[in-house]
Amino acid sequence: QLQLVESGGGLVQPGGSLRLSCAASGFTLDYYVIGWFRQAPGKEREGVSCISSRDGGTDYADSVKGRFTISRENAKNTVYLHMNSLKPEDTAVYYCAAGVVPLKATMTFVPGLYDYWGQGTQVTVSS
């Protein structure tokens, strides 16, 4: 069974940090781009960051550049999203997804191009 499972969400104060994990089972991430998306209430799902499991190339949305870092650990079939300097506007359900998409392109963060999705993990930034 092909599955992505996110973990690591929670409640954090503004300026704080969290690390999200996305673990894959039933398939290898070797040939996929793994993307992190988020969706706040009443808003569309938006791309946050992605990484190529093949060559480690990365891409980030402008809103998180300099604050979020994506990394991978192929031996564990896991991708991480390190989130620093969190802001209240980062509050959302965060999803990871796997797809075959180009990086640094207009289609990089198109949700419909990703084949597999996790169930999401809630991140709440509040004092």
N, C-alpha and C. Protein backbone atom coordinates (compact mmCIF):
# COMPACT_ATOMS: atom_id res chain seq x y z
N GLN A 1 0.85 -1.18 0.00
CA GLN A 1 0.00 0.00 0.00
C GLN A 1 0.89 1.23 0.00
N LEU A 2 0.66 2.12 -0.97
CA LEU A 2 1.45 3.33 -1.09
C LEU A 2 0.92 4.36 -0.10
N GLN A 3 1.82 4.90 0.71
CA GLN A 3 1.35 5.79 1.77
C GLN A 3 2.40 6.83 2.11
N LEU A 4 1.94 8.05 2.39
CA LEU A 4 2.77 9.11 2.95
C LEU A 4 2.16 9.50 4.29
N VAL A 5 2.99 9.62 5.30
CA VAL A 5 2.50 9.95 6.63
C VAL A 5 3.29 11.14 7.16
N GLU A 6 2.57 12.22 7.47
CA GLU A 6 3.20 13.40 8.05
C GLU A 6 3.13 13.33 9.57
N SER A 7 4.10 13.97 10.20
CA SER A 7 4.11 14.09 11.67
C SER A 7 4.91 15.32 12.05
N GLY A 8 4.77 15.73 13.31
CA GLY A 8 5.58 16.83 13.82
C GLY A 8 4.84 18.14 13.99
N GLY A 9 3.59 18.19 13.59
CA GLY A 9 2.84 19.42 13.77
C GLY A 9 2.54 19.68 15.23
N GLY A 10 2.00 20.87 15.50
CA GLY A 10 1.65 21.22 16.87
C GLY A 10 1.43 22.70 17.03
N LEU A 11 1.37 23.10 18.28
CA LEU A 11 1.17 24.51 18.63
C LEU A 11 2.52 25.11 19.01
N VAL A 12 2.83 26.24 18.43
CA VAL A 12 4.11 26.91 18.70
C VAL A 12 3.87 28.41 18.75
N GLN A 13 4.67 29.09 19.55
CA GLN A 13 4.55 30.54 19.65
C GLN A 13 5.22 31.22 18.44
N PRO A 14 4.79 32.42 18.12
CA PRO A 14 5.46 33.16 17.03
C PRO A 14 6.96 33.27 17.30
N GLY A 15 7.73 33.06 16.23
CA GLY A 15 9.17 33.06 16.35
C GLY A 15 9.75 31.70 16.65
N GLY A 16 8.91 30.73 16.95
CA GLY A 16 9.36 29.40 17.29
C GLY A 16 9.65 28.54 16.07
N SER A 17 9.98 27.27 16.34
CA SER A 17 10.38 26.35 15.29
C SER A 17 9.65 25.02 15.42
N LEU A 18 9.50 24.35 14.30
CA LEU A 18 8.97 23.00 14.25
C LEU A 18 9.68 22.25 13.13
N ARG A 19 9.72 20.93 13.27
CA ARG A 19 10.22 20.10 12.18
C ARG A 19 9.12 19.10 11.81
N LEU A 20 8.68 19.16 10.58
CA LEU A 20 7.71 18.21 10.07
C LEU A 20 8.43 17.07 9.36
N SER A 21 7.86 15.88 9.47
CA SER A 21 8.41 14.71 8.79
C SER A 21 7.37 14.14 7.84
N CYS A 22 7.85 13.59 6.75
CA CYS A 22 7.00 12.92 5.76
C CYS A 22 7.65 11.58 5.45
N ALA A 23 7.05 10.52 5.94
CA ALA A 23 7.61 9.18 5.76
C ALA A 23 6.80 8.43 4.72
N ALA A 24 7.50 7.83 3.78
CA ALA A 24 6.85 7.06 2.71
C ALA A 24 6.95 5.57 2.99
N SER A 25 5.89 4.87 2.66
CA SER A 25 5.90 3.42 2.76
C SER A 25 5.21 2.84 1.53
N GLY A 26 5.66 1.66 1.14
CA GLY A 26 5.06 1.01 0.00
C GLY A 26 5.67 1.41 -1.34
N PHE A 27 6.53 2.43 -1.33
CA PHE A 27 7.23 2.83 -2.54
C PHE A 27 8.46 3.63 -2.14
N THR A 28 9.38 3.75 -3.04
CA THR A 28 10.59 4.51 -2.78
C THR A 28 10.45 5.92 -3.34
N LEU A 29 11.02 6.86 -2.61
CA LEU A 29 10.95 8.24 -3.04
C LEU A 29 12.00 8.60 -4.08
N ASP A 30 12.84 7.64 -4.44
CA ASP A 30 14.02 7.92 -5.25
C ASP A 30 13.72 8.68 -6.54
N TYR A 31 12.57 8.45 -7.14
CA TYR A 31 12.32 9.04 -8.44
C TYR A 31 11.27 10.15 -8.40
N TYR A 32 10.96 10.60 -7.18
CA TYR A 32 9.90 11.58 -7.03
C TYR A 32 10.42 12.92 -6.50
N VAL A 33 9.67 13.94 -6.81
CA VAL A 33 9.78 15.21 -6.12
C VAL A 33 8.78 15.16 -4.96
N ILE A 34 9.25 15.51 -3.79
CA ILE A 34 8.38 15.55 -2.62
C ILE A 34 8.08 17.01 -2.30
N GLY A 35 6.82 17.31 -2.27
CA GLY A 35 6.41 18.68 -2.00
C GLY A 35 5.70 18.81 -0.67
N TRP A 36 5.87 19.95 -0.04
CA TRP A 36 5.09 20.30 1.14
C TRP A 36 4.10 21.39 0.72
N PHE A 37 2.85 21.18 1.05
CA PHE A 37 1.79 22.14 0.78
C PHE A 37 1.12 22.48 2.11
N ARG A 38 0.38 23.56 2.11
CA ARG A 38 -0.39 23.90 3.30
C ARG A 38 -1.72 24.50 2.88
N GLN A 39 -2.68 24.35 3.77
CA GLN A 39 -4.01 24.89 3.51
C GLN A 39 -4.59 25.44 4.80
N ALA A 40 -4.83 26.74 4.79
CA ALA A 40 -5.46 27.40 5.92
C ALA A 40 -6.97 27.44 5.70
N PRO A 41 -7.76 27.56 6.76
CA PRO A 41 -9.23 27.60 6.60
C PRO A 41 -9.66 28.69 5.63
N GLY A 42 -10.50 28.31 4.69
CA GLY A 42 -11.02 29.27 3.74
C GLY A 42 -10.08 29.67 2.63
N LYS A 43 -8.91 29.04 2.58
CA LYS A 43 -7.93 29.38 1.56
C LYS A 43 -7.60 28.16 0.71
N GLU A 44 -7.05 28.43 -0.46
CA GLU A 44 -6.63 27.35 -1.33
C GLU A 44 -5.34 26.72 -0.83
N ARG A 45 -5.15 25.48 -1.24
CA ARG A 45 -3.91 24.80 -0.90
C ARG A 45 -2.76 25.45 -1.67
N GLU A 46 -1.68 25.73 -0.97
CA GLU A 46 -0.55 26.40 -1.60
C GLU A 46 0.74 25.62 -1.39
N GLY A 47 1.61 25.67 -2.37
CA GLY A 47 2.90 25.01 -2.25
C GLY A 47 3.83 25.79 -1.35
N VAL A 48 4.62 25.08 -0.57
CA VAL A 48 5.55 25.68 0.38
C VAL A 48 6.99 25.41 -0.03
N SER A 49 7.28 24.14 -0.27
CA SER A 49 8.64 23.75 -0.62
C SER A 49 8.62 22.38 -1.26
N CYS A 50 9.68 22.06 -1.99
CA CYS A 50 9.78 20.72 -2.54
C CYS A 50 11.25 20.36 -2.73
N ILE A 51 11.49 19.07 -2.85
CA ILE A 51 12.85 18.57 -3.00
C ILE A 51 12.85 17.38 -3.95
N SER A 52 13.86 17.34 -4.77
CA SER A 52 14.04 16.19 -5.65
C SER A 52 14.80 15.11 -4.90
N SER A 53 14.21 13.94 -4.79
CA SER A 53 14.90 12.84 -4.12
C SER A 53 16.06 12.33 -4.95
N ARG A 54 16.06 12.64 -6.23
CA ARG A 54 17.12 12.14 -7.12
C ARG A 54 18.41 12.93 -6.97
N ASP A 55 18.30 14.28 -7.00
CA ASP A 55 19.53 15.06 -6.97
C ASP A 55 19.57 16.10 -5.85
N GLY A 56 18.52 16.12 -5.02
CA GLY A 56 18.53 17.04 -3.88
C GLY A 56 18.18 18.47 -4.21
N GLY A 57 17.82 18.75 -5.45
CA GLY A 57 17.41 20.10 -5.80
C GLY A 57 16.19 20.54 -5.01
N THR A 58 16.12 21.82 -4.66
CA THR A 58 15.03 22.31 -3.83
C THR A 58 14.37 23.54 -4.44
N ASP A 59 13.18 23.82 -3.97
CA ASP A 59 12.46 25.00 -4.38
C ASP A 59 11.60 25.47 -3.20
N TYR A 60 11.38 26.78 -3.11
CA TYR A 60 10.62 27.34 -1.99
C TYR A 60 9.67 28.42 -2.49
N ALA A 61 8.53 28.51 -1.82
CA ALA A 61 7.66 29.65 -2.05
C ALA A 61 8.31 30.90 -1.45
N ASP A 62 8.04 32.05 -2.05
CA ASP A 62 8.65 33.29 -1.57
C ASP A 62 8.31 33.55 -0.10
N SER A 63 7.14 33.17 0.31
CA SER A 63 6.67 33.46 1.67
C SER A 63 7.47 32.73 2.75
N VAL A 64 8.22 31.70 2.38
CA VAL A 64 8.95 30.93 3.40
C VAL A 64 10.46 30.93 3.17
N LYS A 65 10.92 31.56 2.10
CA LYS A 65 12.35 31.57 1.82
C LYS A 65 13.11 32.21 2.98
N GLY A 66 14.19 31.59 3.38
CA GLY A 66 14.99 32.08 4.49
C GLY A 66 14.51 31.63 5.85
N ARG A 67 13.32 31.07 5.93
CA ARG A 67 12.78 30.59 7.21
C ARG A 67 12.61 29.08 7.23
N PHE A 68 12.23 28.49 6.11
CA PHE A 68 11.99 27.05 6.03
C PHE A 68 13.12 26.39 5.25
N THR A 69 13.46 25.19 5.66
CA THR A 69 14.45 24.39 4.94
C THR A 69 13.92 22.97 4.76
N ILE A 70 14.00 22.48 3.54
CA ILE A 70 13.56 21.12 3.26
C ILE A 70 14.79 20.23 3.13
N SER A 71 14.69 19.02 3.62
CA SER A 71 15.81 18.08 3.52
C SER A 71 15.26 16.67 3.37
N ARG A 72 16.12 15.76 3.00
CA ARG A 72 15.68 14.38 2.80
C ARG A 72 16.66 13.41 3.44
N GLU A 73 16.18 12.27 3.78
CA GLU A 73 17.01 11.18 4.29
C GLU A 73 16.56 9.93 3.55
N ASN A 74 17.20 9.70 2.43
CA ASN A 74 16.76 8.64 1.54
C ASN A 74 16.79 7.27 2.21
N ALA A 75 17.75 7.04 3.09
CA ALA A 75 17.86 5.74 3.75
C ALA A 75 16.60 5.45 4.57
N LYS A 76 15.95 6.52 5.05
CA LYS A 76 14.73 6.34 5.85
C LYS A 76 13.48 6.63 5.02
N ASN A 77 13.69 6.92 3.71
CA ASN A 77 12.54 7.22 2.85
C ASN A 77 11.69 8.34 3.45
N THR A 78 12.37 9.36 3.95
CA THR A 78 11.71 10.43 4.70
C THR A 78 12.22 11.80 4.24
N VAL A 79 11.29 12.74 4.20
CA VAL A 79 11.60 14.13 3.89
C VAL A 79 11.17 14.99 5.07
N TYR A 80 11.96 16.01 5.37
CA TYR A 80 11.69 16.88 6.51
C TYR A 80 11.46 18.32 6.04
N LEU A 81 10.67 19.03 6.81
CA LEU A 81 10.51 20.47 6.61
C LEU A 81 10.84 21.15 7.93
N HIS A 82 11.98 21.85 7.95
CA HIS A 82 12.41 22.57 9.13
C HIS A 82 11.85 23.98 9.04
N MET A 83 11.04 24.36 10.00
CA MET A 83 10.37 25.65 9.96
C MET A 83 10.85 26.50 11.12
N ASN A 84 11.47 27.62 10.81
CA ASN A 84 11.96 28.55 11.82
C ASN A 84 11.25 29.90 11.68
N SER A 85 11.39 30.71 12.71
CA SER A 85 10.79 32.06 12.71
C SER A 85 9.33 32.01 12.28
N LEU A 86 8.60 31.11 12.88
CA LEU A 86 7.21 30.90 12.49
C LEU A 86 6.35 32.12 12.81
N LYS A 87 5.39 32.36 11.93
CA LYS A 87 4.48 33.49 12.05
C LYS A 87 3.05 32.97 12.15
N PRO A 88 2.15 33.77 12.70
CA PRO A 88 0.75 33.33 12.77
C PRO A 88 0.18 32.97 11.39
N GLU A 89 0.63 33.64 10.36
CA GLU A 89 0.12 33.33 9.02
C GLU A 89 0.63 32.00 8.46
N ASP A 90 1.53 31.36 9.17
CA ASP A 90 1.96 30.01 8.79
C ASP A 90 1.00 28.94 9.29
N THR A 91 0.03 29.34 10.08
CA THR A 91 -0.94 28.40 10.61
C THR A 91 -1.73 27.76 9.48
N ALA A 92 -1.74 26.43 9.45
CA ALA A 92 -2.41 25.69 8.39
C ALA A 92 -2.27 24.20 8.65
N VAL A 93 -2.99 23.42 7.87
CA VAL A 93 -2.72 21.99 7.79
C VAL A 93 -1.65 21.81 6.72
N TYR A 94 -0.59 21.11 7.08
CA TYR A 94 0.52 20.88 6.17
C TYR A 94 0.47 19.45 5.63
N TYR A 95 0.60 19.36 4.32
CA TYR A 95 0.54 18.08 3.63
C TYR A 95 1.84 17.85 2.88
N CYS A 96 2.26 16.59 2.82
CA CYS A 96 3.33 16.26 1.89
C CYS A 96 2.74 15.45 0.74
N ALA A 97 3.41 15.53 -0.39
CA ALA A 97 2.91 14.88 -1.59
C ALA A 97 4.09 14.46 -2.45
N ALA A 98 3.89 13.44 -3.25
CA ALA A 98 4.93 12.93 -4.15
C ALA A 98 4.45 13.00 -5.58
N GLY A 99 5.32 13.48 -6.45
CA GLY A 99 4.96 13.57 -7.85
C GLY A 99 6.19 13.66 -8.72
N VAL A 100 5.97 13.63 -10.01
CA VAL A 100 7.05 13.81 -10.97
C VAL A 100 6.82 15.16 -11.62
N VAL A 101 7.48 16.18 -11.08
CA VAL A 101 7.28 17.56 -11.54
C VAL A 101 8.64 18.23 -11.66
N PRO A 102 8.74 19.25 -12.48
CA PRO A 102 10.00 20.00 -12.58
C PRO A 102 10.12 20.99 -11.42
N LEU A 103 11.33 21.24 -11.00
CA LEU A 103 11.56 22.25 -9.97
C LEU A 103 11.71 23.62 -10.63
N LYS A 104 11.46 24.65 -9.83
CA LYS A 104 11.66 26.03 -10.25
C LYS A 104 10.93 26.32 -11.57
N ALA A 105 9.73 25.83 -11.65
CA ALA A 105 8.90 26.04 -12.83
C ALA A 105 7.50 26.47 -12.37
N THR A 106 6.75 27.01 -13.29
CA THR A 106 5.41 27.49 -12.92
C THR A 106 4.52 26.36 -12.44
N MET A 107 4.81 25.13 -12.86
CA MET A 107 3.97 24.00 -12.48
C MET A 107 4.49 23.27 -11.24
N THR A 108 5.56 23.75 -10.65
CA THR A 108 6.17 23.02 -9.53
C THR A 108 5.22 22.80 -8.39
N PHE A 109 4.39 23.80 -8.08
CA PHE A 109 3.50 23.72 -6.92
C PHE A 109 2.04 23.59 -7.33
N VAL A 110 1.79 22.94 -8.44
CA VAL A 110 0.41 22.67 -8.84
C VAL A 110 -0.04 21.37 -8.17
N PRO A 111 -0.95 21.43 -7.23
CA PRO A 111 -1.32 20.23 -6.46
C PRO A 111 -1.77 19.05 -7.34
N GLY A 112 -2.46 19.35 -8.43
CA GLY A 112 -3.00 18.29 -9.27
C GLY A 112 -1.94 17.44 -9.95
N LEU A 113 -0.70 17.92 -9.95
CA LEU A 113 0.38 17.17 -10.60
C LEU A 113 1.05 16.18 -9.66
N TYR A 114 0.65 16.19 -8.41
CA TYR A 114 1.23 15.26 -7.44
C TYR A 114 0.32 14.04 -7.28
N ASP A 115 0.94 12.87 -7.27
CA ASP A 115 0.18 11.62 -7.34
C ASP A 115 -0.24 11.08 -5.98
N TYR A 116 0.59 11.27 -4.97
CA TYR A 116 0.33 10.68 -3.66
C TYR A 116 0.34 11.78 -2.61
N TRP A 117 -0.57 11.67 -1.66
CA TRP A 117 -0.73 12.68 -0.61
C TRP A 117 -0.83 12.03 0.76
N GLY A 118 -0.29 12.74 1.75
CA GLY A 118 -0.50 12.33 3.12
C GLY A 118 -1.80 12.90 3.66
N GLN A 119 -2.06 12.61 4.92
CA GLN A 119 -3.33 13.01 5.54
C GLN A 119 -3.26 14.40 6.14
N GLY A 120 -2.06 14.94 6.29
CA GLY A 120 -1.89 16.28 6.82
C GLY A 120 -1.59 16.32 8.30
N THR A 121 -0.90 17.37 8.71
CA THR A 121 -0.62 17.60 10.13
C THR A 121 -0.84 19.08 10.42
N GLN A 122 -1.50 19.37 11.53
CA GLN A 122 -1.87 20.74 11.87
C GLN A 122 -0.69 21.49 12.48
N VAL A 123 -0.44 22.68 11.98
CA VAL A 123 0.53 23.60 12.57
C VAL A 123 -0.21 24.86 12.97
N THR A 124 -0.11 25.21 14.24
CA THR A 124 -0.76 26.40 14.75
C THR A 124 0.29 27.30 15.40
N VAL A 125 0.38 28.53 14.91
CA VAL A 125 1.34 29.49 15.44
C VAL A 125 0.55 30.57 16.16
N SER A 126 0.64 30.58 17.46
CA SER A 126 -0.17 31.49 18.25
C SER A 126 0.47 31.70 19.62
N SER A 127 0.28 32.90 20.15
CA SER A 127 0.76 33.18 21.50
C SER A 127 -0.34 32.92 22.53
